[in-house]
């Protein structure tokens, strides 16, 4: 998520959205330990990438 944030800040949105997709896939894996703050950040970034 940190890498995606850095990419968004540099204006490289396509690359950032790829990072968000990867993070989303990891977060959805069974047994993934994702805290609420990270999930909220992921949701915010994902919304910036719509349509996904």
PDB file of N, CA and C in Angstrom:
ATOM      1  N   UNK A   1       0.825  -1.175   0.000  1.00  0.00           N
ATOM      2  CA  UNK A   1       0.000   0.000   0.000  1.00  0.00           C
ATOM      3  C   UNK A   1       0.879   1.252   0.000  1.00  0.00           C
ATOM      4  N   UNK A   2       2.007   1.172   0.668  1.00  0.00           N
ATOM      5  CA  UNK A   2       2.906   2.323   0.697  1.00  0.00           C
ATOM      6  C   UNK A   2       3.397   2.643  -0.707  1.00  0.00           C
ATOM      7  N   UNK A   3       3.716   1.597  -1.473  1.00  0.00           N
ATOM      8  CA  UNK A   3       4.187   1.796  -2.845  1.00  0.00           C
ATOM      9  C   UNK A   3       3.093   2.426  -3.691  1.00  0.00           C
ATOM     10  N   UNK A   4       1.862   1.988  -3.503  1.00  0.00           N
ATOM     11  CA  UNK A   4       0.747   2.562  -4.265  1.00  0.00           C
ATOM     12  C   UNK A   4       0.580   4.035  -3.916  1.00  0.00           C
ATOM     13  N   UNK A   5       0.676   4.377  -2.644  1.00  0.00           N
ATOM     14  CA  UNK A   5       0.569   5.772  -2.229  1.00  0.00           C
ATOM     15  C   UNK A   5       1.652   6.630  -2.862  1.00  0.00           C
ATOM     16  N   UNK A   6       2.880   6.118  -2.888  1.00  0.00           N
ATOM     17  CA  UNK A   6       3.980   6.852  -3.516  1.00  0.00           C
ATOM     18  C   UNK A   6       3.718   7.060  -5.004  1.00  0.00           C
ATOM     19  N   UNK A   7       3.220   6.035  -5.667  1.00  0.00           N
ATOM     20  CA  UNK A   7       2.937   6.139  -7.098  1.00  0.00           C
ATOM     21  C   UNK A   7       1.805   7.136  -7.367  1.00  0.00           C
ATOM     22  N   UNK A   8       0.760   7.114  -6.547  1.00  0.00           N
ATOM     23  CA  UNK A   8      -0.313   8.097  -6.697  1.00  0.00           C
ATOM     24  C   UNK A   8       0.240   9.514  -6.543  1.00  0.00           C
ATOM     25  N   UNK A   9       1.097   9.711  -5.559  1.00  0.00           N
ATOM     26  CA  UNK A   9       1.666  11.035  -5.312  1.00  0.00           C
ATOM     27  C   UNK A   9       2.531  11.527  -6.461  1.00  0.00           C
ATOM     28  N   UNK A  10       3.130  10.612  -7.186  1.00  0.00           N
ATOM     29  CA  UNK A  10       3.957  10.994  -8.345  1.00  0.00           C
ATOM     30  C   UNK A  10       3.136  11.094  -9.620  1.00  0.00           C
ATOM     31  N   UNK A  11       1.850  10.811  -9.537  1.00  0.00           N
ATOM     32  CA  UNK A  11       0.986  10.906 -10.707  1.00  0.00           C
ATOM     33  C   UNK A  11       1.020   9.680 -11.596  1.00  0.00           C
ATOM     34  N   UNK A  12       1.575   8.600 -11.122  1.00  0.00           N
ATOM     35  CA  UNK A  12       1.654   7.364 -11.901  1.00  0.00           C
ATOM     36  C   UNK A  12       0.493   6.457 -11.505  1.00  0.00           C
ATOM     37  N   UNK A  13      -0.703   6.909 -11.853  1.00  0.00           N
ATOM     38  CA  UNK A  13      -1.920   6.251 -11.393  1.00  0.00           C
ATOM     39  C   UNK A  13      -2.090   4.839 -11.937  1.00  0.00           C
ATOM     40  N   UNK A  14      -1.701   4.602 -13.179  1.00  0.00           N
ATOM     41  CA  UNK A  14      -1.842   3.252 -13.734  1.00  0.00           C
ATOM     42  C   UNK A  14      -1.009   2.244 -12.943  1.00  0.00           C
ATOM     43  N   UNK A  15       0.219   2.619 -12.629  1.00  0.00           N
ATOM     44  CA  UNK A  15       1.070   1.726 -11.845  1.00  0.00           C
ATOM     45  C   UNK A  15       0.540   1.573 -10.426  1.00  0.00           C
ATOM     46  N   UNK A  16       0.037   2.668  -9.859  1.00  0.00           N
ATOM     47  CA  UNK A  16      -0.532   2.616  -8.511  1.00  0.00           C
ATOM     48  C   UNK A  16      -1.726   1.674  -8.480  1.00  0.00           C
ATOM     49  N   UNK A  17      -2.563   1.732  -9.483  1.00  0.00           N
ATOM     50  CA  UNK A  17      -3.748   0.876  -9.521  1.00  0.00           C
ATOM     51  C   UNK A  17      -3.355  -0.594  -9.643  1.00  0.00           C
ATOM     52  N   UNK A  18      -2.262  -0.886 -10.327  1.00  0.00           N
ATOM     53  CA  UNK A  18      -1.772  -2.261 -10.385  1.00  0.00           C
ATOM     54  C   UNK A  18      -1.360  -2.727  -8.985  1.00  0.00           C
ATOM     55  N   UNK A  19      -0.701  -1.856  -8.234  1.00  0.00           N
ATOM     56  CA  UNK A  19      -0.311  -2.187  -6.865  1.00  0.00           C
ATOM     57  C   UNK A  19      -1.546  -2.419  -5.997  1.00  0.00           C
ATOM     58  N   UNK A  20      -2.572  -1.600  -6.208  1.00  0.00           N
ATOM     59  CA  UNK A  20      -3.814  -1.738  -5.445  1.00  0.00           C
ATOM     60  C   UNK A  20      -4.475  -3.077  -5.763  1.00  0.00           C
ATOM     61  N   UNK A  21      -4.484  -3.459  -7.035  1.00  0.00           N
ATOM     62  CA  UNK A  21      -5.053  -4.759  -7.413  1.00  0.00           C
ATOM     63  C   UNK A  21      -4.329  -5.896  -6.702  1.00  0.00           C
ATOM     64  N   UNK A  22      -2.998  -5.827  -6.675  1.00  0.00           N
ATOM     65  CA  UNK A  22      -2.223  -6.877  -6.019  1.00  0.00           C
ATOM     66  C   UNK A  22      -2.524  -6.913  -4.522  1.00  0.00           C
ATOM     67  N   UNK A  23      -2.613  -5.748  -3.901  1.00  0.00           N
ATOM     68  CA  UNK A  23      -2.917  -5.689  -2.472  1.00  0.00           C
ATOM     69  C   UNK A  23      -4.312  -6.224  -2.196  1.00  0.00           C
ATOM     70  N   UNK A  24      -5.257  -5.901  -3.074  1.00  0.00           N
ATOM     71  CA  UNK A  24      -6.625  -6.392  -2.918  1.00  0.00           C
ATOM     72  C   UNK A  24      -6.645  -7.914  -2.990  1.00  0.00           C
ATOM     73  N   UNK A  25      -5.931  -8.469  -3.946  1.00  0.00           N
ATOM     74  CA  UNK A  25      -5.868  -9.929  -4.081  1.00  0.00           C
ATOM     75  C   UNK A  25      -5.267 -10.582  -2.842  1.00  0.00           C
ATOM     76  N   UNK A  26      -4.225  -9.985  -2.304  1.00  0.00           N
ATOM     77  CA  UNK A  26      -3.602 -10.531  -1.089  1.00  0.00           C
ATOM     78  C   UNK A  26      -4.538 -10.423   0.104  1.00  0.00           C
ATOM     79  N   UNK A  27      -5.252  -9.324   0.213  1.00  0.00           N
ATOM     80  CA  UNK A  27      -6.157  -9.100   1.346  1.00  0.00           C
ATOM     81  C   UNK A  27      -7.328 -10.071   1.328  1.00  0.00           C
ATOM     82  N   UNK A  28      -7.701 -10.535   0.144  1.00  0.00           N
ATOM     83  CA  UNK A  28      -8.842 -11.439   0.016  1.00  0.00           C
ATOM     84  C   UNK A  28      -8.465 -12.903   0.216  1.00  0.00           C
ATOM     85  N   UNK A  29      -7.187 -13.198   0.356  1.00  0.00           N
ATOM     86  CA  UNK A  29      -6.742 -14.577   0.548  1.00  0.00           C
ATOM     87  C   UNK A  29      -7.191 -15.075   1.918  1.00  0.00           C
ATOM     88  N   UNK A  30      -7.569 -16.334   2.004  1.00  0.00           N
ATOM     89  CA  UNK A  30      -7.937 -16.890   3.312  1.00  0.00           C
ATOM     90  C   UNK A  30      -6.773 -16.761   4.304  1.00  0.00           C
ATOM     91  N   UNK A  31      -7.091 -16.334   5.489  1.00  0.00           N
ATOM     92  CA  UNK A  31      -6.088 -16.204   6.527  1.00  0.00           C
ATOM     93  C   UNK A  31      -5.302 -14.908   6.495  1.00  0.00           C
ATOM     94  N   UNK A  32      -5.634 -14.013   5.567  1.00  0.00           N
ATOM     95  CA  UNK A  32      -4.921 -12.740   5.490  1.00  0.00           C
ATOM     96  C   UNK A  32      -5.276 -11.890   6.709  1.00  0.00           C
ATOM     97  N   UNK A  33      -4.261 -11.368   7.345  1.00  0.00           N
ATOM     98  CA  UNK A  33      -4.465 -10.518   8.520  1.00  0.00           C
ATOM     99  C   UNK A  33      -4.371  -9.062   8.086  1.00  0.00           C
ATOM    100  N   UNK A  34      -5.514  -8.454   7.825  1.00  0.00           N
ATOM    101  CA  UNK A  34      -5.565  -7.073   7.370  1.00  0.00           C
ATOM    102  C   UNK A  34      -6.332  -6.268   8.414  1.00  0.00           C
ATOM    103  N   UNK A  35      -5.657  -5.270   9.005  1.00  0.00           N
ATOM    104  CA  UNK A  35      -6.341  -4.483  10.027  1.00  0.00           C
ATOM    105  C   UNK A  35      -7.296  -3.475   9.378  1.00  0.00           C
ATOM    106  N   UNK A  36      -8.128  -2.886  10.200  1.00  0.00           N
ATOM    107  CA  UNK A  36      -9.185  -1.993   9.704  1.00  0.00           C
ATOM    108  C   UNK A  36      -8.605  -0.767   8.991  1.00  0.00           C
ATOM    109  N   UNK A  37      -7.543  -0.195   9.519  1.00  0.00           N
ATOM    110  CA  UNK A  37      -6.946   0.997   8.903  1.00  0.00           C
ATOM    111  C   UNK A  37      -6.415   0.679   7.508  1.00  0.00           C
ATOM    112  N   UNK A  38      -5.770  -0.457   7.371  1.00  0.00           N
ATOM    113  CA  UNK A  38      -5.238  -0.851   6.070  1.00  0.00           C
ATOM    114  C   UNK A  38      -6.372  -1.132   5.097  1.00  0.00           C
ATOM    115  N   UNK A  39      -7.426  -1.764   5.578  1.00  0.00           N
ATOM    116  CA  UNK A  39      -8.579  -2.052   4.722  1.00  0.00           C
ATOM    117  C   UNK A  39      -9.232  -0.754   4.243  1.00  0.00           C
ATOM    118  N   UNK A  40      -9.330   0.241   5.113  1.00  0.00           N
ATOM    119  CA  UNK A  40      -9.908   1.524   4.717  1.00  0.00           C
ATOM    120  C   UNK A  40      -9.042   2.215   3.673  1.00  0.00           C
ATOM    121  N   UNK A  41      -7.729   2.158   3.852  1.00  0.00           N
ATOM    122  CA  UNK A  41      -6.821   2.752   2.875  1.00  0.00           C
ATOM    123  C   UNK A  41      -6.951   2.033   1.534  1.00  0.00           C
ATOM    124  N   UNK A  42      -7.045   0.729   1.576  1.00  0.00           N
ATOM    125  CA  UNK A  42      -7.216  -0.057   0.361  1.00  0.00           C
ATOM    126  C   UNK A  42      -8.510   0.323  -0.342  1.00  0.00           C
ATOM    127  N   UNK A  43      -9.591   0.483   0.407  1.00  0.00           N
ATOM    128  CA  UNK A  43     -10.871   0.878  -0.179  1.00  0.00           C
ATOM    129  C   UNK A  43     -10.778   2.260  -0.820  1.00  0.00           C
ATOM    130  N   UNK A  44     -10.078   3.183  -0.173  1.00  0.00           N
ATOM    131  CA  UNK A  44      -9.919   4.529  -0.716  1.00  0.00           C
ATOM    132  C   UNK A  44      -9.136   4.492  -2.023  1.00  0.00           C
ATOM    133  N   UNK A  45      -8.035   3.760  -2.027  1.00  0.00           N
ATOM    134  CA  UNK A  45      -7.229   3.649  -3.241  1.00  0.00           C
ATOM    135  C   UNK A  45      -7.991   2.939  -4.347  1.00  0.00           C
ATOM    136  N   UNK A  46      -8.723   1.903  -3.969  1.00  0.00           N
ATOM    137  CA  UNK A  46      -9.488   1.161  -4.976  1.00  0.00           C
ATOM    138  C   UNK A  46     -10.531   2.067  -5.620  1.00  0.00           C
ATOM    139  N   UNK A  47     -11.167   2.910  -4.826  1.00  0.00           N
ATOM    140  CA  UNK A  47     -12.165   3.834  -5.356  1.00  0.00           C
ATOM    141  C   UNK A  47     -11.512   4.819  -6.340  1.00  0.00           C
ATOM    142  N   UNK A  48     -10.267   5.196  -6.088  1.00  0.00           N
ATOM    143  CA  UNK A  48      -9.568   6.101  -6.994  1.00  0.00           C
ATOM    144  C   UNK A  48      -9.233   5.430  -8.318  1.00  0.00           C
ATOM    145  N   UNK A  49      -9.251   4.105  -8.342  1.00  0.00           N
ATOM    146  CA  UNK A  49      -8.918   3.351  -9.543  1.00  0.00           C
ATOM    147  C   UNK A  49     -10.144   2.929 -10.333  1.00  0.00           C
ATOM    148  N   UNK A  50     -11.336   3.221  -9.843  1.00  0.00           N
ATOM    149  CA  UNK A  50     -12.560   2.776 -10.542  1.00  0.00           C
ATOM    150  C   UNK A  50     -12.621   3.405 -11.917  1.00  0.00           C
ATOM    151  N   UNK A  51     -13.110   2.733 -12.947  1.00  0.00           N
ATOM    152  CA  UNK A  51     -13.502   1.345 -12.901  1.00  0.00           C
ATOM    153  C   UNK A  51     -12.278   0.459 -12.814  1.00  0.00           C
ATOM    154  N   UNK A  52     -12.322  -0.502 -11.936  1.00  0.00           N
ATOM    155  CA  UNK A  52     -11.224  -1.412 -11.621  1.00  0.00           C
ATOM    156  C   UNK A  52     -11.119  -2.374 -12.707  1.00  0.00           C
TER     157      UNK A  52
END
